[in-house]
Amino acid sequence: MAAPSQPSGPTPPDRPPLVAEDLLLYEKDGQSLLDDHALRILIALHQEVLTAQDIAQRYRVPIAACYRRMRRLVSLGLVSEAGYVTEGRRRPARLYKSEVFRFTVAYGNGEMTLRLTLRNGIEAATVVRIAADAGAM
């Protein structure tokens, strides 16, 4: 793999503050960010810098789902662009890297707690209370 080149052009706009609840909310298509595909992407990028195509092939994430999750992860600041790779390609492919340092989800006593720490030190946390099922005994 050739050395990545740096993205050119204007610098991206500042991202809004990270809100942990955004990770738990469902998209219009009924998907939570904390689904299997998104978690595979975060794990893959925590280990190395990759293209979306590499992630899709190595981690068995459908390419369309991979691109959708990548857009969402980038918009939340959990993943960032790390340049481009051009070797052996007709056109450059974006490289991505994880900005996540630590990510934990814990469940107990009817509460789900999410804690997230980014590499730059920003932290976010949220607690979601899950109502007991009225029909359960």
N, C-alpha and C. Protein backbone atom coordinates (compact mmCIF):
# COMPACT_ATOMS: atom_id res chain seq x y z
N MET A 1 0.85 -1.17 0.00
CA MET A 1 0.00 0.00 0.00
C MET A 1 0.89 1.23 0.00
N ALA A 2 0.60 2.18 -0.84
CA ALA A 2 1.39 3.40 -0.94
C ALA A 2 1.14 4.28 0.27
N ALA A 3 2.07 5.15 0.52
CA ALA A 3 1.90 6.09 1.64
C ALA A 3 0.70 6.97 1.35
N PRO A 4 -0.15 7.20 2.36
CA PRO A 4 -1.34 8.02 2.14
C PRO A 4 -0.97 9.46 1.89
N SER A 5 -1.71 10.09 0.98
CA SER A 5 -1.53 11.51 0.75
C SER A 5 -2.53 12.25 1.62
N GLN A 6 -2.24 13.46 1.95
CA GLN A 6 -3.11 14.25 2.80
C GLN A 6 -4.25 14.83 1.98
N PRO A 7 -5.47 14.92 2.59
CA PRO A 7 -6.59 15.52 1.88
C PRO A 7 -6.27 16.95 1.50
N SER A 8 -6.67 17.33 0.30
CA SER A 8 -6.43 18.70 -0.14
C SER A 8 -7.74 19.46 -0.12
N GLY A 9 -7.65 20.76 -0.27
CA GLY A 9 -8.85 21.57 -0.31
C GLY A 9 -9.07 22.27 1.01
N PRO A 10 -10.24 22.89 1.15
CA PRO A 10 -10.53 23.65 2.37
C PRO A 10 -10.64 22.72 3.57
N THR A 11 -10.35 23.28 4.73
CA THR A 11 -10.47 22.50 5.96
C THR A 11 -11.95 22.27 6.26
N PRO A 12 -12.29 21.11 6.80
CA PRO A 12 -13.70 20.83 7.08
C PRO A 12 -14.22 21.75 8.18
N PRO A 13 -15.52 22.02 8.18
CA PRO A 13 -16.08 22.88 9.23
C PRO A 13 -15.99 22.19 10.58
N ASP A 14 -16.01 23.00 11.64
CA ASP A 14 -15.99 22.44 12.99
C ASP A 14 -17.22 21.57 13.19
N ARG A 15 -17.03 20.46 13.89
CA ARG A 15 -18.14 19.56 14.18
C ARG A 15 -18.88 20.06 15.41
N PRO A 16 -20.19 19.76 15.49
CA PRO A 16 -20.91 20.11 16.71
C PRO A 16 -20.39 19.27 17.86
N PRO A 17 -20.64 19.69 19.10
CA PRO A 17 -20.17 18.91 20.25
C PRO A 17 -20.70 17.48 20.19
N LEU A 18 -19.89 16.55 20.66
CA LEU A 18 -20.28 15.15 20.67
C LEU A 18 -21.34 14.93 21.74
N VAL A 19 -22.44 14.35 21.35
CA VAL A 19 -23.53 14.04 22.27
C VAL A 19 -23.70 12.53 22.26
N ALA A 20 -23.48 11.90 23.40
CA ALA A 20 -23.52 10.44 23.47
C ALA A 20 -24.88 9.88 23.06
N GLU A 21 -25.94 10.63 23.32
CA GLU A 21 -27.27 10.15 22.95
C GLU A 21 -27.39 9.92 21.44
N ASP A 22 -26.63 10.66 20.64
CA ASP A 22 -26.67 10.49 19.19
C ASP A 22 -26.30 9.07 18.79
N LEU A 23 -25.50 8.39 19.61
CA LEU A 23 -25.09 7.04 19.28
C LEU A 23 -26.20 6.03 19.50
N LEU A 24 -27.16 6.37 20.35
CA LEU A 24 -28.22 5.43 20.68
C LEU A 24 -29.50 5.68 19.90
N LEU A 25 -29.62 6.86 19.30
CA LEU A 25 -30.85 7.20 18.59
C LEU A 25 -30.93 6.45 17.28
N TYR A 26 -32.13 6.15 16.88
CA TYR A 26 -32.35 5.44 15.64
C TYR A 26 -32.44 6.41 14.47
N GLU A 27 -31.92 5.97 13.35
CA GLU A 27 -32.00 6.74 12.11
C GLU A 27 -33.39 6.58 11.52
N LYS A 28 -33.65 7.32 10.43
CA LYS A 28 -34.94 7.22 9.77
C LYS A 28 -35.24 5.80 9.29
N ASP A 29 -34.18 5.05 8.95
CA ASP A 29 -34.39 3.68 8.46
C ASP A 29 -34.51 2.66 9.59
N GLY A 30 -34.57 3.14 10.84
CA GLY A 30 -34.77 2.23 11.97
C GLY A 30 -33.50 1.61 12.51
N GLN A 31 -32.34 2.11 12.12
CA GLN A 31 -31.07 1.54 12.55
C GLN A 31 -30.42 2.42 13.62
N SER A 32 -29.90 1.77 14.64
CA SER A 32 -29.12 2.47 15.65
C SER A 32 -27.68 2.49 15.20
N LEU A 33 -26.94 3.48 15.62
CA LEU A 33 -25.52 3.51 15.30
C LEU A 33 -24.80 2.33 15.96
N LEU A 34 -25.32 1.86 17.06
CA LEU A 34 -24.67 0.76 17.76
C LEU A 34 -25.10 -0.59 17.19
N ASP A 35 -25.09 -0.72 15.88
CA ASP A 35 -25.41 -2.01 15.29
C ASP A 35 -24.12 -2.76 14.98
N ASP A 36 -24.26 -3.97 14.52
CA ASP A 36 -23.12 -4.84 14.26
C ASP A 36 -22.15 -4.24 13.25
N HIS A 37 -22.68 -3.66 12.17
CA HIS A 37 -21.80 -3.09 11.13
C HIS A 37 -20.97 -1.92 11.66
N ALA A 38 -21.63 -1.01 12.40
CA ALA A 38 -20.91 0.15 12.92
C ALA A 38 -19.84 -0.27 13.92
N LEU A 39 -20.16 -1.24 14.74
CA LEU A 39 -19.17 -1.71 15.71
C LEU A 39 -17.99 -2.39 15.03
N ARG A 40 -18.25 -3.14 13.98
CA ARG A 40 -17.15 -3.75 13.21
C ARG A 40 -16.25 -2.68 12.59
N ILE A 41 -16.86 -1.63 12.08
CA ILE A 41 -16.10 -0.53 11.48
C ILE A 41 -15.23 0.14 12.54
N LEU A 42 -15.81 0.44 13.70
CA LEU A 42 -15.04 1.09 14.77
C LEU A 42 -13.88 0.21 15.22
N ILE A 43 -14.11 -1.09 15.34
CA ILE A 43 -13.05 -2.01 15.74
C ILE A 43 -11.96 -2.05 14.67
N ALA A 44 -12.36 -2.15 13.41
CA ALA A 44 -11.38 -2.20 12.31
C ALA A 44 -10.51 -0.96 12.29
N LEU A 45 -11.13 0.20 12.41
CA LEU A 45 -10.37 1.45 12.31
C LEU A 45 -9.59 1.75 13.58
N HIS A 46 -9.94 1.12 14.67
CA HIS A 46 -9.15 1.29 15.88
C HIS A 46 -7.80 0.60 15.73
N GLN A 47 -7.76 -0.44 14.89
CA GLN A 47 -6.55 -1.22 14.69
C GLN A 47 -5.63 -0.65 13.61
N GLU A 48 -6.22 -0.09 12.53
CA GLU A 48 -5.40 0.43 11.44
C GLU A 48 -6.20 1.38 10.57
N VAL A 49 -5.51 2.13 9.73
CA VAL A 49 -6.12 3.05 8.77
C VAL A 49 -6.52 2.22 7.55
N LEU A 50 -7.80 2.35 7.13
CA LEU A 50 -8.32 1.53 6.04
C LEU A 50 -9.25 2.34 5.13
N THR A 51 -9.47 1.81 3.93
CA THR A 51 -10.50 2.35 3.04
C THR A 51 -11.81 1.64 3.36
N ALA A 52 -12.91 2.22 2.90
CA ALA A 52 -14.21 1.58 3.09
C ALA A 52 -14.25 0.22 2.40
N GLN A 53 -13.62 0.13 1.23
CA GLN A 53 -13.58 -1.15 0.51
C GLN A 53 -12.83 -2.21 1.31
N ASP A 54 -11.72 -1.83 1.94
CA ASP A 54 -10.96 -2.77 2.77
C ASP A 54 -11.81 -3.26 3.95
N ILE A 55 -12.51 -2.34 4.58
CA ILE A 55 -13.36 -2.71 5.72
C ILE A 55 -14.44 -3.68 5.27
N ALA A 56 -15.10 -3.36 4.16
CA ALA A 56 -16.18 -4.21 3.66
C ALA A 56 -15.68 -5.62 3.38
N GLN A 57 -14.52 -5.75 2.77
CA GLN A 57 -13.98 -7.07 2.43
C GLN A 57 -13.50 -7.83 3.66
N ARG A 58 -12.70 -7.18 4.48
CA ARG A 58 -12.08 -7.88 5.62
C ARG A 58 -13.03 -8.18 6.76
N TYR A 59 -13.99 -7.29 6.98
CA TYR A 59 -14.85 -7.41 8.15
C TYR A 59 -16.29 -7.78 7.80
N ARG A 60 -16.51 -8.17 6.54
CA ARG A 60 -17.80 -8.67 6.08
C ARG A 60 -18.94 -7.70 6.36
N VAL A 61 -18.73 -6.45 5.96
CA VAL A 61 -19.76 -5.43 6.05
C VAL A 61 -20.16 -5.11 4.61
N PRO A 62 -21.43 -5.22 4.25
CA PRO A 62 -21.84 -4.87 2.89
C PRO A 62 -21.38 -3.45 2.54
N ILE A 63 -20.89 -3.26 1.32
CA ILE A 63 -20.27 -1.98 0.96
C ILE A 63 -21.22 -0.80 1.11
N ALA A 64 -22.49 -0.95 0.73
CA ALA A 64 -23.44 0.16 0.88
C ALA A 64 -23.64 0.50 2.36
N ALA A 65 -23.77 -0.54 3.19
CA ALA A 65 -23.93 -0.32 4.63
C ALA A 65 -22.67 0.32 5.20
N CYS A 66 -21.52 -0.09 4.70
CA CYS A 66 -20.25 0.46 5.16
C CYS A 66 -20.19 1.96 4.89
N TYR A 67 -20.53 2.36 3.66
CA TYR A 67 -20.50 3.80 3.33
C TYR A 67 -21.51 4.59 4.15
N ARG A 68 -22.71 4.03 4.39
CA ARG A 68 -23.70 4.74 5.22
C ARG A 68 -23.19 4.94 6.63
N ARG A 69 -22.65 3.87 7.23
CA ARG A 69 -22.12 3.98 8.60
C ARG A 69 -20.94 4.93 8.65
N MET A 70 -20.07 4.87 7.63
CA MET A 70 -18.90 5.76 7.61
C MET A 70 -19.34 7.23 7.60
N ARG A 71 -20.34 7.57 6.78
CA ARG A 71 -20.82 8.96 6.75
C ARG A 71 -21.31 9.38 8.13
N ARG A 72 -22.06 8.50 8.79
CA ARG A 72 -22.59 8.82 10.12
C ARG A 72 -21.46 8.94 11.15
N LEU A 73 -20.52 8.01 11.12
CA LEU A 73 -19.40 8.04 12.07
C LEU A 73 -18.54 9.28 11.87
N VAL A 74 -18.31 9.68 10.62
CA VAL A 74 -17.54 10.89 10.34
C VAL A 74 -18.30 12.11 10.84
N SER A 75 -19.62 12.16 10.59
CA SER A 75 -20.41 13.33 11.02
C SER A 75 -20.42 13.48 12.53
N LEU A 76 -20.28 12.37 13.26
CA LEU A 76 -20.24 12.42 14.72
C LEU A 76 -18.84 12.66 15.27
N GLY A 77 -17.83 12.62 14.39
CA GLY A 77 -16.46 12.84 14.84
C GLY A 77 -15.80 11.60 15.40
N LEU A 78 -16.41 10.43 15.23
CA LEU A 78 -15.83 9.19 15.75
C LEU A 78 -14.80 8.61 14.78
N VAL A 79 -14.88 9.00 13.53
CA VAL A 79 -13.96 8.57 12.48
C VAL A 79 -13.58 9.80 11.69
N SER A 80 -12.35 9.85 11.20
CA SER A 80 -11.93 10.98 10.37
C SER A 80 -11.19 10.47 9.14
N GLU A 81 -11.09 11.34 8.15
CA GLU A 81 -10.34 11.02 6.94
C GLU A 81 -8.85 11.12 7.24
N ALA A 82 -8.09 10.17 6.69
CA ALA A 82 -6.66 10.13 6.96
C ALA A 82 -5.85 10.21 5.67
N GLY A 83 -6.44 10.75 4.62
CA GLY A 83 -5.73 10.87 3.35
C GLY A 83 -6.36 9.99 2.28
N TYR A 84 -5.56 9.68 1.27
CA TYR A 84 -6.02 8.90 0.13
C TYR A 84 -4.97 7.87 -0.24
N VAL A 85 -5.41 6.79 -0.86
CA VAL A 85 -4.48 5.82 -1.41
C VAL A 85 -4.77 5.76 -2.92
N THR A 86 -3.71 5.76 -3.72
CA THR A 86 -3.89 5.78 -5.17
C THR A 86 -3.28 4.57 -5.87
N GLU A 87 -2.36 3.90 -5.24
CA GLU A 87 -1.63 2.81 -5.87
C GLU A 87 -2.57 1.68 -6.31
N GLY A 88 -2.48 1.32 -7.61
CA GLY A 88 -3.28 0.22 -8.13
C GLY A 88 -4.75 0.54 -8.27
N ARG A 89 -5.12 1.81 -8.29
CA ARG A 89 -6.53 2.20 -8.38
C ARG A 89 -6.73 3.17 -9.52
N ARG A 90 -7.92 3.11 -10.10
CA ARG A 90 -8.25 4.07 -11.16
C ARG A 90 -8.45 5.46 -10.59
N ARG A 91 -8.98 5.53 -9.40
CA ARG A 91 -9.15 6.83 -8.74
C ARG A 91 -8.81 6.67 -7.27
N PRO A 92 -8.45 7.75 -6.62
CA PRO A 92 -8.05 7.66 -5.21
C PRO A 92 -9.19 7.17 -4.31
N ALA A 93 -8.83 6.40 -3.30
CA ALA A 93 -9.79 5.94 -2.31
C ALA A 93 -9.46 6.59 -0.98
N ARG A 94 -10.49 7.06 -0.28
CA ARG A 94 -10.28 7.69 1.03
C ARG A 94 -9.84 6.67 2.06
N LEU A 95 -8.92 7.10 2.89
CA LEU A 95 -8.50 6.32 4.05
C LEU A 95 -9.18 6.91 5.28
N TYR A 96 -9.58 6.06 6.19
CA TYR A 96 -10.24 6.50 7.41
C TYR A 96 -9.50 5.98 8.62
N LYS A 97 -9.61 6.74 9.72
CA LYS A 97 -9.03 6.32 10.99
C LYS A 97 -10.01 6.60 12.11
N SER A 98 -9.89 5.84 13.17
CA SER A 98 -10.76 6.01 14.33
C SER A 98 -10.27 7.16 15.19
N GLU A 99 -11.19 7.90 15.74
CA GLU A 99 -10.88 8.95 16.71
C GLU A 99 -11.24 8.49 18.12
N VAL A 100 -11.72 7.26 18.24
CA VAL A 100 -12.18 6.73 19.53
C VAL A 100 -11.01 6.15 20.31
N PHE A 101 -10.87 6.59 21.55
CA PHE A 101 -9.86 6.02 22.44
C PHE A 101 -10.47 4.89 23.26
N ARG A 102 -11.65 5.17 23.86
CA ARG A 102 -12.32 4.16 24.69
C ARG A 102 -13.83 4.31 24.50
N PHE A 103 -14.50 3.16 24.45
CA PHE A 103 -15.94 3.12 24.22
C PHE A 103 -16.50 1.99 25.06
N THR A 104 -17.38 2.29 26.00
CA THR A 104 -17.96 1.24 26.84
C THR A 104 -19.47 1.38 26.89
N VAL A 105 -20.13 0.24 26.91
CA VAL A 105 -21.57 0.17 27.10
C VAL A 105 -21.80 -0.82 28.23
N ALA A 106 -22.54 -0.40 29.23
CA ALA A 106 -22.84 -1.28 30.36
C ALA A 106 -24.34 -1.26 30.60
N TYR A 107 -24.87 -2.42 30.98
CA TYR A 107 -26.29 -2.51 31.27
C TYR A 107 -26.48 -3.14 32.64
N GLY A 108 -27.36 -2.55 33.43
CA GLY A 108 -27.68 -3.10 34.74
C GLY A 108 -28.78 -2.30 35.39
N ASN A 109 -29.63 -2.96 36.15
CA ASN A 109 -30.71 -2.31 36.90
C ASN A 109 -31.61 -1.45 36.02
N GLY A 110 -31.88 -1.91 34.81
CA GLY A 110 -32.77 -1.18 33.92
C GLY A 110 -32.16 0.05 33.29
N GLU A 111 -30.84 0.18 33.34
CA GLU A 111 -30.17 1.34 32.74
C GLU A 111 -29.05 0.88 31.81
N MET A 112 -28.93 1.56 30.70
CA MET A 112 -27.81 1.33 29.80
C MET A 112 -26.94 2.59 29.86
N THR A 113 -25.68 2.40 30.20
CA THR A 113 -24.74 3.51 30.32
C THR A 113 -23.73 3.43 29.19
N LEU A 114 -23.58 4.52 28.49
CA LEU A 114 -22.64 4.62 27.39
C LEU A 114 -21.59 5.67 27.75
N ARG A 115 -20.32 5.29 27.65
CA ARG A 115 -19.21 6.22 27.90
C ARG A 115 -18.28 6.17 26.70
N LEU A 116 -17.88 7.33 26.26
CA LEU A 116 -17.06 7.44 25.06
C LEU A 116 -15.96 8.47 25.31
N THR A 117 -14.73 8.10 25.00
CA THR A 117 -13.60 9.02 25.11
C THR A 117 -12.90 9.04 23.76
N LEU A 118 -12.71 10.24 23.22
CA LEU A 118 -12.01 10.38 21.95
C LEU A 118 -10.52 10.57 22.20
N ARG A 119 -9.73 10.37 21.16
CA ARG A 119 -8.27 10.50 21.27
C ARG A 119 -7.84 11.91 21.70
N ASN A 120 -8.65 12.92 21.37
CA ASN A 120 -8.31 14.29 21.74
C ASN A 120 -8.74 14.65 23.16
N GLY A 121 -9.27 13.66 23.90
CA GLY A 121 -9.63 13.89 25.30
C GLY A 121 -11.09 14.23 25.54
N ILE A 122 -11.85 14.49 24.49
CA ILE A 122 -13.27 14.79 24.66
C ILE A 122 -13.98 13.55 25.18
N GLU A 123 -14.83 13.75 26.19
CA GLU A 123 -15.58 12.65 26.76
C GLU A 123 -17.07 12.94 26.67
N ALA A 124 -17.84 11.89 26.51
CA ALA A 124 -19.29 12.00 26.50
C ALA A 124 -19.85 10.78 27.20
N ALA A 125 -20.94 10.97 27.90
CA ALA A 125 -21.59 9.85 28.59
C ALA A 125 -23.08 10.09 28.62
N THR A 126 -23.82 9.01 28.65
CA THR A 126 -25.27 9.11 28.77
C THR A 126 -25.79 7.86 29.45
N VAL A 127 -26.93 8.01 30.10
CA VAL A 127 -27.62 6.89 30.73
C VAL A 127 -29.02 6.85 30.14
N VAL A 128 -29.39 5.69 29.66
CA VAL A 128 -30.74 5.49 29.13
C VAL A 128 -31.47 4.54 30.07
N ARG A 129 -32.57 5.00 30.60
CA ARG A 129 -33.36 4.16 31.49
C ARG A 129 -34.38 3.40 30.65
N ILE A 130 -34.41 2.11 30.86
CA ILE A 130 -35.31 1.25 30.10
C ILE A 130 -36.43 0.83 31.02
N ALA A 131 -37.64 1.24 30.65
CA ALA A 131 -38.80 0.94 31.48
C ALA A 131 -39.03 -0.55 31.54
N ALA A 132 -39.41 -1.02 32.70
CA ALA A 132 -39.71 -2.44 32.86
C ALA A 132 -40.94 -2.78 32.04
N ASP A 133 -40.94 -3.96 31.46
CA ASP A 133 -42.07 -4.43 30.67
C ASP A 133 -43.23 -4.72 31.60
N ALA A 134 -44.34 -4.05 31.39
CA ALA A 134 -45.49 -4.19 32.27
C ALA A 134 -46.05 -5.61 32.25
N GLY A 135 -45.86 -6.35 31.16
CA GLY A 135 -46.39 -7.69 31.03
C GLY A 135 -45.45 -8.75 31.57
N ALA A 136 -44.22 -8.39 31.90
CA ALA A 136 -43.24 -9.37 32.38
C ALA A 136 -43.44 -9.62 33.87
N MET A 137 -43.14 -10.80 34.29
CA MET A 137 -43.27 -11.15 35.71
C MET A 137 -41.91 -11.45 36.26
